[in-house]
Amino acid sequence: MSLAAKVLEEIEKNAELRKRFFKVFIAELMLEPDLRMAIVHAIMREVVSKSDLVEFEKKITGLITTVESNVKEQLSNIIANMVYKDDLANIDLRIRGLSNEVKEFRGQVENIPSLSSRFNDTITIIHDALNSFMTNVKDSIARIDSFIMGLDNKVKSVNNNLSFLSKVVYLTLIIVLILLLLQVLSILRII
């Protein structure tokens, strides 16, 4: 099994690991302004706007008016052409059907305020989630800055230690060279 398959399997099994993975993944995603805007635009395309609801209400109202005028027109035609009792029964069925359609349309129009309320609630939830997420991102950035400063201090300490060590090595090398020179001079005096 590949490493990627093992990682996916572990993420699927472990809820805490999955939660940590998505926190890190989303935090990284939100650090990129272009990706953040792409996510917001994708969400906004899926959300119904107030103007959409107003347009929907206008269409429904227009349909109700059209249905009512059609019903009146058909009733006028039916009454003008009414000759038999069977026709009256059919007309009655048609009227009831059209009446039910009008009631359905009115019911849909009455649901528009409820849709608007749900839309506002959804926007509020998204706004709160984004604010919370941005707070978490800012906290993560602060922790990363603190970590980087700690690393910077450690690098300075290592540089100081290396500088001291290079001085010690340099002095040791000079001492060794002096000792070698003294030995060479002592050997030359003997010969």
N, C-alpha and C. Protein backbone atom coordinates (compact mmCIF):
# COMPACT_ATOMS: atom_id res chain seq x y z
N MET A 1 0.86 -1.18 0.00
CA MET A 1 0.00 0.00 0.00
C MET A 1 0.90 1.24 0.00
N SER A 2 0.58 2.22 -0.83
CA SER A 2 1.40 3.42 -0.93
C SER A 2 1.27 4.27 0.34
N LEU A 3 2.22 5.16 0.52
CA LEU A 3 2.22 6.04 1.68
C LEU A 3 0.98 6.94 1.66
N ALA A 4 0.61 7.43 0.48
CA ALA A 4 -0.57 8.30 0.36
C ALA A 4 -1.83 7.54 0.78
N ALA A 5 -1.95 6.28 0.37
CA ALA A 5 -3.12 5.48 0.72
C ALA A 5 -3.15 5.25 2.23
N LYS A 6 -1.98 5.01 2.83
CA LYS A 6 -1.91 4.81 4.29
C LYS A 6 -2.33 6.08 5.03
N VAL A 7 -1.84 7.24 4.54
CA VAL A 7 -2.18 8.52 5.17
C VAL A 7 -3.69 8.75 5.09
N LEU A 8 -4.28 8.52 3.90
CA LEU A 8 -5.73 8.71 3.73
C LEU A 8 -6.51 7.78 4.64
N GLU A 9 -6.06 6.53 4.72
CA GLU A 9 -6.75 5.55 5.58
C GLU A 9 -6.69 5.99 7.04
N GLU A 10 -5.52 6.50 7.47
CA GLU A 10 -5.37 6.94 8.85
C GLU A 10 -6.24 8.16 9.12
N ILE A 11 -6.32 9.09 8.15
CA ILE A 11 -7.16 10.28 8.32
C ILE A 11 -8.63 9.88 8.40
N GLU A 12 -9.04 8.89 7.60
CA GLU A 12 -10.44 8.44 7.63
C GLU A 12 -10.77 7.77 8.96
N LYS A 13 -9.82 7.06 9.54
CA LYS A 13 -10.07 6.33 10.79
C LYS A 13 -10.04 7.25 12.02
N ASN A 14 -9.13 8.20 12.04
CA ASN A 14 -8.85 8.99 13.23
C ASN A 14 -9.50 10.38 13.12
N ALA A 15 -10.57 10.61 13.89
CA ALA A 15 -11.31 11.87 13.80
C ALA A 15 -10.45 13.05 14.25
N GLU A 16 -9.66 12.86 15.30
CA GLU A 16 -8.81 13.95 15.79
C GLU A 16 -7.76 14.33 14.75
N LEU A 17 -7.16 13.33 14.12
CA LEU A 17 -6.18 13.57 13.06
C LEU A 17 -6.84 14.27 11.88
N ARG A 18 -8.05 13.84 11.53
CA ARG A 18 -8.78 14.46 10.41
C ARG A 18 -9.05 15.93 10.73
N LYS A 19 -9.43 16.21 11.97
CA LYS A 19 -9.73 17.58 12.37
C LYS A 19 -8.46 18.43 12.29
N ARG A 20 -7.34 17.93 12.79
CA ARG A 20 -6.08 18.65 12.74
C ARG A 20 -5.64 18.89 11.30
N PHE A 21 -5.80 17.86 10.45
CA PHE A 21 -5.42 17.97 9.03
C PHE A 21 -6.19 19.11 8.37
N PHE A 22 -7.52 19.13 8.57
CA PHE A 22 -8.31 20.17 7.91
C PHE A 22 -8.03 21.55 8.49
N LYS A 23 -7.72 21.64 9.80
CA LYS A 23 -7.36 22.94 10.37
C LYS A 23 -6.10 23.47 9.69
N VAL A 24 -5.09 22.63 9.57
CA VAL A 24 -3.84 23.04 8.93
C VAL A 24 -4.08 23.34 7.45
N PHE A 25 -4.83 22.46 6.77
CA PHE A 25 -5.10 22.63 5.35
C PHE A 25 -5.84 23.93 5.08
N ILE A 26 -6.89 24.19 5.85
CA ILE A 26 -7.68 25.41 5.65
C ILE A 26 -6.88 26.64 6.04
N ALA A 27 -6.07 26.55 7.11
CA ALA A 27 -5.24 27.69 7.50
C ALA A 27 -4.28 28.05 6.38
N GLU A 28 -3.65 27.05 5.78
CA GLU A 28 -2.75 27.30 4.65
C GLU A 28 -3.51 27.86 3.46
N LEU A 29 -4.70 27.34 3.21
CA LEU A 29 -5.52 27.79 2.09
C LEU A 29 -5.88 29.27 2.26
N MET A 30 -6.20 29.65 3.50
CA MET A 30 -6.67 31.01 3.74
C MET A 30 -5.53 32.02 3.76
N LEU A 31 -4.28 31.57 3.81
CA LEU A 31 -3.16 32.49 3.75
C LEU A 31 -2.99 33.06 2.35
N GLU A 32 -3.54 32.39 1.36
CA GLU A 32 -3.45 32.84 -0.04
C GLU A 32 -4.69 33.69 -0.37
N PRO A 33 -4.51 34.99 -0.60
CA PRO A 33 -5.67 35.86 -0.88
C PRO A 33 -6.48 35.41 -2.09
N ASP A 34 -5.80 34.94 -3.14
CA ASP A 34 -6.53 34.51 -4.35
C ASP A 34 -7.41 33.31 -4.05
N LEU A 35 -6.90 32.34 -3.29
CA LEU A 35 -7.71 31.16 -2.94
C LEU A 35 -8.86 31.55 -2.02
N ARG A 36 -8.59 32.46 -1.08
CA ARG A 36 -9.64 32.90 -0.15
C ARG A 36 -10.78 33.55 -0.94
N MET A 37 -10.44 34.40 -1.92
CA MET A 37 -11.48 35.06 -2.72
C MET A 37 -12.21 34.04 -3.59
N ALA A 38 -11.50 33.05 -4.12
CA ALA A 38 -12.14 32.02 -4.95
C ALA A 38 -13.16 31.24 -4.13
N ILE A 39 -12.82 30.94 -2.86
CA ILE A 39 -13.75 30.22 -1.98
C ILE A 39 -14.98 31.08 -1.70
N VAL A 40 -14.75 32.35 -1.39
CA VAL A 40 -15.89 33.25 -1.09
C VAL A 40 -16.79 33.37 -2.32
N HIS A 41 -16.18 33.53 -3.51
CA HIS A 41 -16.99 33.66 -4.73
C HIS A 41 -17.76 32.37 -5.01
N ALA A 42 -17.14 31.23 -4.77
CA ALA A 42 -17.83 29.95 -5.01
C ALA A 42 -19.02 29.81 -4.06
N ILE A 43 -18.84 30.24 -2.81
CA ILE A 43 -19.95 30.15 -1.84
C ILE A 43 -21.05 31.12 -2.24
N MET A 44 -20.66 32.33 -2.64
CA MET A 44 -21.66 33.34 -2.97
C MET A 44 -22.50 32.94 -4.19
N ARG A 45 -21.91 32.17 -5.14
CA ARG A 45 -22.69 31.73 -6.30
C ARG A 45 -23.79 30.77 -5.88
N GLU A 46 -23.59 30.06 -4.77
CA GLU A 46 -24.56 29.06 -4.34
C GLU A 46 -25.62 29.63 -3.40
N VAL A 47 -25.44 30.87 -2.97
CA VAL A 47 -26.36 31.48 -2.00
C VAL A 47 -27.38 32.33 -2.75
N VAL A 48 -28.62 32.25 -2.32
CA VAL A 48 -29.70 33.04 -2.91
C VAL A 48 -29.59 34.46 -2.36
N SER A 49 -29.62 35.46 -3.25
CA SER A 49 -29.53 36.85 -2.80
C SER A 49 -30.93 37.43 -2.60
N LYS A 50 -30.98 38.56 -1.91
CA LYS A 50 -32.27 39.22 -1.68
C LYS A 50 -32.90 39.63 -3.02
N SER A 51 -32.05 40.07 -3.95
CA SER A 51 -32.61 40.47 -5.25
C SER A 51 -33.19 39.26 -5.98
N ASP A 52 -32.56 38.07 -5.79
CA ASP A 52 -33.12 36.85 -6.37
C ASP A 52 -34.50 36.57 -5.78
N LEU A 53 -34.63 36.76 -4.46
CA LEU A 53 -35.92 36.51 -3.81
C LEU A 53 -36.97 37.51 -4.28
N VAL A 54 -36.57 38.77 -4.45
CA VAL A 54 -37.52 39.78 -4.94
C VAL A 54 -37.95 39.43 -6.35
N GLU A 55 -36.99 39.03 -7.18
CA GLU A 55 -37.32 38.64 -8.56
C GLU A 55 -38.24 37.41 -8.57
N PHE A 56 -37.96 36.46 -7.69
CA PHE A 56 -38.80 35.26 -7.59
C PHE A 56 -40.22 35.64 -7.16
N GLU A 57 -40.33 36.56 -6.20
CA GLU A 57 -41.64 37.01 -5.74
C GLU A 57 -42.41 37.68 -6.88
N LYS A 58 -41.70 38.50 -7.69
CA LYS A 58 -42.35 39.16 -8.82
C LYS A 58 -42.86 38.14 -9.83
N LYS A 59 -42.03 37.13 -10.10
CA LYS A 59 -42.44 36.09 -11.05
C LYS A 59 -43.66 35.34 -10.54
N ILE A 60 -43.65 34.98 -9.26
CA ILE A 60 -44.78 34.24 -8.68
C ILE A 60 -46.03 35.10 -8.72
N THR A 61 -45.88 36.38 -8.36
CA THR A 61 -47.04 37.28 -8.39
C THR A 61 -47.57 37.39 -9.81
N GLY A 62 -46.65 37.50 -10.79
CA GLY A 62 -47.07 37.55 -12.20
C GLY A 62 -47.78 36.28 -12.62
N LEU A 63 -47.25 35.12 -12.17
CA LEU A 63 -47.89 33.85 -12.51
C LEU A 63 -49.29 33.75 -11.89
N ILE A 64 -49.40 34.21 -10.66
CA ILE A 64 -50.72 34.17 -10.00
C ILE A 64 -51.71 35.04 -10.77
N THR A 65 -51.26 36.22 -11.13
CA THR A 65 -52.13 37.12 -11.90
C THR A 65 -52.52 36.49 -13.23
N THR A 66 -51.55 35.87 -13.90
CA THR A 66 -51.82 35.20 -15.18
C THR A 66 -52.81 34.06 -14.99
N VAL A 67 -52.58 33.26 -13.95
CA VAL A 67 -53.48 32.12 -13.70
C VAL A 67 -54.89 32.63 -13.39
N GLU A 68 -54.98 33.67 -12.57
CA GLU A 68 -56.30 34.21 -12.23
C GLU A 68 -57.02 34.74 -13.47
N SER A 69 -56.27 35.46 -14.34
CA SER A 69 -56.92 35.99 -15.55
C SER A 69 -57.30 34.85 -16.49
N ASN A 70 -56.45 33.81 -16.55
CA ASN A 70 -56.79 32.64 -17.37
C ASN A 70 -58.04 31.95 -16.83
N VAL A 71 -58.13 31.85 -15.51
CA VAL A 71 -59.31 31.22 -14.90
C VAL A 71 -60.55 32.03 -15.24
N LYS A 72 -60.45 33.35 -15.08
CA LYS A 72 -61.61 34.20 -15.38
C LYS A 72 -62.00 34.08 -16.86
N GLU A 73 -60.99 34.08 -17.72
CA GLU A 73 -61.26 33.99 -19.15
C GLU A 73 -61.91 32.65 -19.49
N GLN A 74 -61.37 31.57 -18.92
CA GLN A 74 -61.93 30.24 -19.18
C GLN A 74 -63.35 30.14 -18.63
N LEU A 75 -63.56 30.73 -17.46
CA LEU A 75 -64.91 30.71 -16.89
C LEU A 75 -65.89 31.46 -17.80
N SER A 76 -65.43 32.58 -18.31
CA SER A 76 -66.30 33.35 -19.21
C SER A 76 -66.61 32.54 -20.47
N ASN A 77 -65.59 31.90 -21.03
CA ASN A 77 -65.79 31.07 -22.23
C ASN A 77 -66.70 29.88 -21.93
N ILE A 78 -66.48 29.28 -20.77
CA ILE A 78 -67.28 28.10 -20.40
C ILE A 78 -68.75 28.50 -20.22
N ILE A 79 -68.94 29.60 -19.50
CA ILE A 79 -70.31 30.04 -19.25
C ILE A 79 -71.00 30.40 -20.57
N ALA A 80 -70.25 31.05 -21.46
CA ALA A 80 -70.82 31.44 -22.75
C ALA A 80 -71.17 30.21 -23.59
N ASN A 81 -70.39 29.15 -23.47
CA ASN A 81 -70.62 27.95 -24.28
C ASN A 81 -71.33 26.83 -23.53
N MET A 82 -71.75 27.09 -22.30
CA MET A 82 -72.35 26.05 -21.49
C MET A 82 -73.73 25.65 -22.03
N VAL A 83 -73.88 24.34 -22.27
CA VAL A 83 -75.14 23.84 -22.79
C VAL A 83 -75.62 22.65 -21.95
N TYR A 84 -74.71 21.76 -21.56
CA TYR A 84 -75.11 20.52 -20.90
C TYR A 84 -74.68 20.48 -19.45
N LYS A 85 -75.36 19.61 -18.66
CA LYS A 85 -75.01 19.44 -17.25
C LYS A 85 -73.63 18.78 -17.10
N ASP A 86 -73.28 17.90 -18.05
CA ASP A 86 -71.96 17.27 -18.01
C ASP A 86 -70.86 18.31 -18.13
N ASP A 87 -71.11 19.29 -18.96
CA ASP A 87 -70.13 20.36 -19.11
C ASP A 87 -69.95 21.11 -17.79
N LEU A 88 -71.05 21.30 -17.06
CA LEU A 88 -70.99 21.98 -15.77
C LEU A 88 -70.10 21.20 -14.79
N ALA A 89 -70.19 19.89 -14.80
CA ALA A 89 -69.38 19.06 -13.90
C ALA A 89 -67.90 19.21 -14.27
N ASN A 90 -67.61 19.19 -15.57
CA ASN A 90 -66.22 19.36 -16.02
C ASN A 90 -65.69 20.74 -15.65
N ILE A 91 -66.54 21.73 -15.83
CA ILE A 91 -66.15 23.10 -15.49
C ILE A 91 -65.85 23.21 -14.01
N ASP A 92 -66.69 22.58 -13.20
CA ASP A 92 -66.49 22.61 -11.75
C ASP A 92 -65.14 21.97 -11.39
N LEU A 93 -64.79 20.86 -12.03
CA LEU A 93 -63.50 20.19 -11.78
C LEU A 93 -62.34 21.10 -12.19
N ARG A 94 -62.50 21.75 -13.33
CA ARG A 94 -61.45 22.64 -13.81
C ARG A 94 -61.26 23.82 -12.85
N ILE A 95 -62.35 24.36 -12.40
CA ILE A 95 -62.30 25.50 -11.48
C ILE A 95 -61.60 25.09 -10.19
N ARG A 96 -61.95 23.93 -9.68
CA ARG A 96 -61.31 23.45 -8.44
C ARG A 96 -59.80 23.23 -8.65
N GLY A 97 -59.44 22.67 -9.81
CA GLY A 97 -58.03 22.46 -10.11
C GLY A 97 -57.26 23.78 -10.19
N LEU A 98 -57.88 24.74 -10.89
CA LEU A 98 -57.23 26.05 -11.00
C LEU A 98 -57.17 26.75 -9.65
N SER A 99 -58.21 26.59 -8.87
CA SER A 99 -58.23 27.18 -7.53
C SER A 99 -57.10 26.60 -6.68
N ASN A 100 -56.89 25.29 -6.78
CA ASN A 100 -55.80 24.65 -6.04
C ASN A 100 -54.44 25.18 -6.50
N GLU A 101 -54.29 25.39 -7.82
CA GLU A 101 -53.03 25.94 -8.33
C GLU A 101 -52.77 27.33 -7.78
N VAL A 102 -53.83 28.15 -7.73
CA VAL A 102 -53.69 29.50 -7.18
C VAL A 102 -53.28 29.42 -5.72
N LYS A 103 -53.88 28.50 -4.96
CA LYS A 103 -53.52 28.34 -3.54
C LYS A 103 -52.06 27.93 -3.39
N GLU A 104 -51.59 27.04 -4.27
CA GLU A 104 -50.18 26.60 -4.22
C GLU A 104 -49.25 27.78 -4.49
N PHE A 105 -49.59 28.60 -5.50
CA PHE A 105 -48.76 29.75 -5.81
C PHE A 105 -48.73 30.73 -4.64
N ARG A 106 -49.88 30.96 -4.04
CA ARG A 106 -49.92 31.88 -2.88
C ARG A 106 -49.11 31.32 -1.72
N GLY A 107 -49.16 30.01 -1.53
CA GLY A 107 -48.35 29.38 -0.49
C GLY A 107 -46.87 29.59 -0.74
N GLN A 108 -46.46 29.50 -2.01
CA GLN A 108 -45.05 29.72 -2.34
C GLN A 108 -44.66 31.17 -2.10
N VAL A 109 -45.53 32.09 -2.43
CA VAL A 109 -45.24 33.50 -2.20
C VAL A 109 -45.14 33.78 -0.70
N GLU A 110 -45.96 33.13 0.10
CA GLU A 110 -45.90 33.33 1.55
C GLU A 110 -44.61 32.77 2.14
N ASN A 111 -43.96 31.84 1.47
CA ASN A 111 -42.70 31.26 1.95
C ASN A 111 -41.50 32.17 1.70
N ILE A 112 -41.67 33.21 0.90
CA ILE A 112 -40.55 34.08 0.56
C ILE A 112 -39.94 34.74 1.80
N PRO A 113 -40.70 35.29 2.75
CA PRO A 113 -40.06 35.86 3.95
C PRO A 113 -39.26 34.81 4.72
N SER A 114 -39.75 33.59 4.76
CA SER A 114 -39.02 32.52 5.44
C SER A 114 -37.70 32.24 4.75
N LEU A 115 -37.71 32.24 3.40
CA LEU A 115 -36.47 32.04 2.65
C LEU A 115 -35.49 33.18 2.91
N SER A 116 -36.01 34.40 2.97
CA SER A 116 -35.16 35.55 3.23
C SER A 116 -34.52 35.44 4.61
N SER A 117 -35.29 35.01 5.60
CA SER A 117 -34.77 34.83 6.96
C SER A 117 -33.68 33.77 6.97
N ARG A 118 -33.94 32.64 6.28
CA ARG A 118 -32.92 31.58 6.23
C ARG A 118 -31.67 32.07 5.50
N PHE A 119 -31.85 32.88 4.46
CA PHE A 119 -30.71 33.44 3.73
C PHE A 119 -29.87 34.32 4.66
N ASN A 120 -30.54 35.18 5.43
CA ASN A 120 -29.83 36.05 6.37
C ASN A 120 -29.10 35.22 7.43
N ASP A 121 -29.75 34.17 7.93
CA ASP A 121 -29.12 33.29 8.93
C ASP A 121 -27.88 32.63 8.34
N THR A 122 -27.99 32.19 7.08
CA THR A 122 -26.85 31.53 6.42
C THR A 122 -25.70 32.51 6.26
N ILE A 123 -26.00 33.72 5.84
CA ILE A 123 -24.96 34.74 5.68
C ILE A 123 -24.29 35.02 7.02
N THR A 124 -25.08 35.11 8.09
CA THR A 124 -24.53 35.36 9.42
C THR A 124 -23.61 34.22 9.85
N ILE A 125 -24.03 32.99 9.60
CA ILE A 125 -23.21 31.83 9.96
C ILE A 125 -21.90 31.85 9.18
N ILE A 126 -21.97 32.13 7.88
CA ILE A 126 -20.76 32.18 7.05
C ILE A 126 -19.85 33.30 7.53
N HIS A 127 -20.43 34.45 7.83
CA HIS A 127 -19.64 35.59 8.30
C HIS A 127 -18.94 35.24 9.61
N ASP A 128 -19.67 34.65 10.56
CA ASP A 128 -19.08 34.28 11.85
C ASP A 128 -17.98 33.24 11.67
N ALA A 129 -18.21 32.28 10.78
CA ALA A 129 -17.21 31.23 10.53
C ALA A 129 -15.94 31.85 9.94
N LEU A 130 -16.11 32.77 8.99
CA LEU A 130 -14.95 33.41 8.38
C LEU A 130 -14.19 34.26 9.40
N ASN A 131 -14.92 34.98 10.26
CA ASN A 131 -14.27 35.77 11.30
C ASN A 131 -13.48 34.87 12.25
N SER A 132 -14.10 33.77 12.66
CA SER A 132 -13.43 32.82 13.54
C SER A 132 -12.19 32.25 12.86
N PHE A 133 -12.35 31.92 11.60
CA PHE A 133 -11.23 31.35 10.84
C PHE A 133 -10.10 32.36 10.73
N MET A 134 -10.42 33.61 10.44
CA MET A 134 -9.39 34.63 10.30
C MET A 134 -8.68 34.87 11.64
N THR A 135 -9.42 34.78 12.75
CA THR A 135 -8.81 34.90 14.07
C THR A 135 -7.83 33.76 14.29
N ASN A 136 -8.23 32.55 13.91
CA ASN A 136 -7.33 31.39 14.04
C ASN A 136 -6.11 31.56 13.15
N VAL A 137 -6.31 32.10 11.94
CA VAL A 137 -5.17 32.32 11.04
C VAL A 137 -4.22 33.34 11.66
N LYS A 138 -4.76 34.43 12.22
CA LYS A 138 -3.91 35.44 12.84
C LYS A 138 -3.14 34.86 14.02
N ASP A 139 -3.82 34.02 14.83
CA ASP A 139 -3.14 33.37 15.94
C ASP A 139 -2.03 32.46 15.43
N SER A 140 -2.30 31.72 14.37
CA SER A 140 -1.28 30.82 13.79
C SER A 140 -0.10 31.62 13.28
N ILE A 141 -0.36 32.75 12.66
CA ILE A 141 0.72 33.59 12.14
C ILE A 141 1.56 34.13 13.30
N ALA A 142 0.89 34.53 14.38
CA ALA A 142 1.62 35.03 15.56
C ALA A 142 2.51 33.93 16.14
N ARG A 143 1.97 32.69 16.22
CA ARG A 143 2.77 31.58 16.73
C ARG A 143 3.95 31.29 15.80
N ILE A 144 3.72 31.38 14.48
CA ILE A 144 4.80 31.15 13.52
C ILE A 144 5.86 32.23 13.66
N ASP A 145 5.44 33.49 13.83
CA ASP A 145 6.40 34.59 14.02
C ASP A 145 7.24 34.35 15.27
N SER A 146 6.59 33.93 16.35
CA SER A 146 7.30 33.64 17.59
C SER A 146 8.30 32.50 17.39
N PHE A 147 7.88 31.47 16.69
CA PHE A 147 8.75 30.33 16.40
C PHE A 147 9.95 30.77 15.57
N ILE A 148 9.71 31.61 14.56
CA ILE A 148 10.80 32.10 13.71
C ILE A 148 11.78 32.93 14.52
N MET A 149 11.27 33.77 15.43
CA MET A 149 12.16 34.58 16.27
C MET A 149 13.01 33.67 17.16
N GLY A 150 12.40 32.59 17.69
CA GLY A 150 13.15 31.64 18.49
C GLY A 150 14.25 30.98 17.67
N LEU A 151 13.91 30.59 16.43
CA LEU A 151 14.91 29.99 15.54
C LEU A 151 16.02 31.00 15.22
N ASP A 152 15.65 32.25 15.02
CA ASP A 152 16.63 33.29 14.72
C ASP A 152 17.61 33.44 15.88
N ASN A 153 17.08 33.41 17.11
CA ASN A 153 17.95 33.51 18.29
C ASN A 153 18.88 32.30 18.37
N LYS A 154 18.36 31.12 18.06
CA LYS A 154 19.20 29.91 18.09
C LYS A 154 20.28 29.99 17.02
N VAL A 155 19.94 30.49 15.82
CA VAL A 155 20.93 30.63 14.76
C VAL A 155 22.02 31.61 15.19
N LYS A 156 21.65 32.73 15.84
CA LYS A 156 22.65 33.69 16.33
C LYS A 156 23.56 33.03 17.35
N SER A 157 22.97 32.22 18.24
CA SER A 157 23.76 31.52 19.26
C SER A 157 24.75 30.56 18.60
N VAL A 158 24.27 29.81 17.59
CA VAL A 158 25.15 28.87 16.87
C VAL A 158 26.25 29.64 16.16
N ASN A 159 25.92 30.77 15.54
CA ASN A 159 26.94 31.59 14.87
C ASN A 159 27.99 32.07 15.85
N ASN A 160 27.56 32.51 17.04
CA ASN A 160 28.50 32.96 18.07
C ASN A 160 29.41 31.80 18.49
N ASN A 161 28.79 30.61 18.68
CA ASN A 161 29.59 29.44 19.07
C ASN A 161 30.57 29.07 17.98
N LEU A 162 30.14 29.13 16.71
CA LEU A 162 31.04 28.82 15.60
C LEU A 162 32.17 29.85 15.51
N SER A 163 31.87 31.09 15.76
CA SER A 163 32.89 32.14 15.72
C SER A 163 33.93 31.88 16.80
N PHE A 164 33.47 31.56 18.00
CA PHE A 164 34.38 31.25 19.11
C PHE A 164 35.20 30.01 18.78
N LEU A 165 34.54 28.98 18.24
CA LEU A 165 35.23 27.74 17.89
C LEU A 165 36.28 27.98 16.80
N SER A 166 35.97 28.82 15.81
CA SER A 166 36.94 29.09 14.75
C SER A 166 38.15 29.84 15.31
N LYS A 167 37.92 30.72 16.30
CA LYS A 167 39.04 31.42 16.95
C LYS A 167 39.93 30.43 17.70
N VAL A 168 39.31 29.49 18.40
CA VAL A 168 40.06 28.49 19.15
C VAL A 168 40.86 27.62 18.18
N VAL A 169 40.24 27.20 17.08
CA VAL A 169 40.94 26.37 16.08
C VAL A 169 42.10 27.17 15.47
N TYR A 170 41.89 28.43 15.18
CA TYR A 170 42.92 29.28 14.60
C TYR A 170 44.10 29.40 15.55
N LEU A 171 43.84 29.65 16.85
CA LEU A 171 44.91 29.75 17.85
C LEU A 171 45.65 28.43 17.99
N THR A 172 44.89 27.34 18.00
CA THR A 172 45.51 26.02 18.11
C THR A 172 46.43 25.77 16.92
N LEU A 173 45.99 26.14 15.75
CA LEU A 173 46.79 25.97 14.54
C LEU A 173 48.07 26.80 14.61
N ILE A 174 47.97 28.00 15.10
CA ILE A 174 49.16 28.87 15.24
C ILE A 174 50.14 28.25 16.23
N ILE A 175 49.61 27.75 17.35
CA ILE A 175 50.47 27.11 18.37
C ILE A 175 51.17 25.89 17.78
N VAL A 176 50.43 25.07 17.02
CA VAL A 176 51.01 23.88 16.40
C VAL A 176 52.10 24.28 15.42
N LEU A 177 51.86 25.32 14.62
CA LEU A 177 52.86 25.79 13.66
C LEU A 177 54.11 26.31 14.37
N ILE A 178 53.91 27.03 15.46
CA ILE A 178 55.06 27.53 16.24
C ILE A 178 55.85 26.36 16.79
N LEU A 179 55.15 25.36 17.32
CA LEU A 179 55.84 24.18 17.87
C LEU A 179 56.61 23.44 16.77
N LEU A 180 56.01 23.32 15.61
CA LEU A 180 56.69 22.67 14.49
C LEU A 180 57.92 23.48 14.07
N LEU A 181 57.77 24.78 14.03
CA LEU A 181 58.88 25.65 13.68
C LEU A 181 60.00 25.52 14.68
N LEU A 182 59.67 25.44 15.96
CA LEU A 182 60.68 25.27 17.01
C LEU A 182 61.38 23.92 16.86
N GLN A 183 60.66 22.90 16.53
CA GLN A 183 61.27 21.58 16.32
C GLN A 183 62.19 21.60 15.13
N VAL A 184 61.76 22.25 14.06
CA VAL A 184 62.60 22.34 12.88
C VAL A 184 63.88 23.11 13.21
N LEU A 185 63.75 24.18 13.95
CA LEU A 185 64.92 24.98 14.33
C LEU A 185 65.84 24.19 15.25
N SER A 186 65.24 23.44 16.12
CA SER A 186 66.08 22.63 17.04
C SER A 186 66.81 21.55 16.26
N ILE A 187 66.14 20.97 15.25
CA ILE A 187 66.79 19.93 14.44
C ILE A 187 67.90 20.54 13.62
N LEU A 188 67.72 21.72 13.12
CA LEU A 188 68.73 22.39 12.30
C LEU A 188 69.96 22.77 13.14
N ARG A 189 69.80 23.06 14.37
CA ARG A 189 70.92 23.38 15.24
C ARG A 189 71.75 22.15 15.53
N ILE A 190 71.09 21.01 15.60
CA ILE A 190 71.78 19.76 15.91
C ILE A 190 72.63 19.34 14.70
N ILE A 191 72.17 19.49 13.58
CA ILE A 191 72.89 19.03 12.39
C ILE A 191 73.96 19.98 12.05
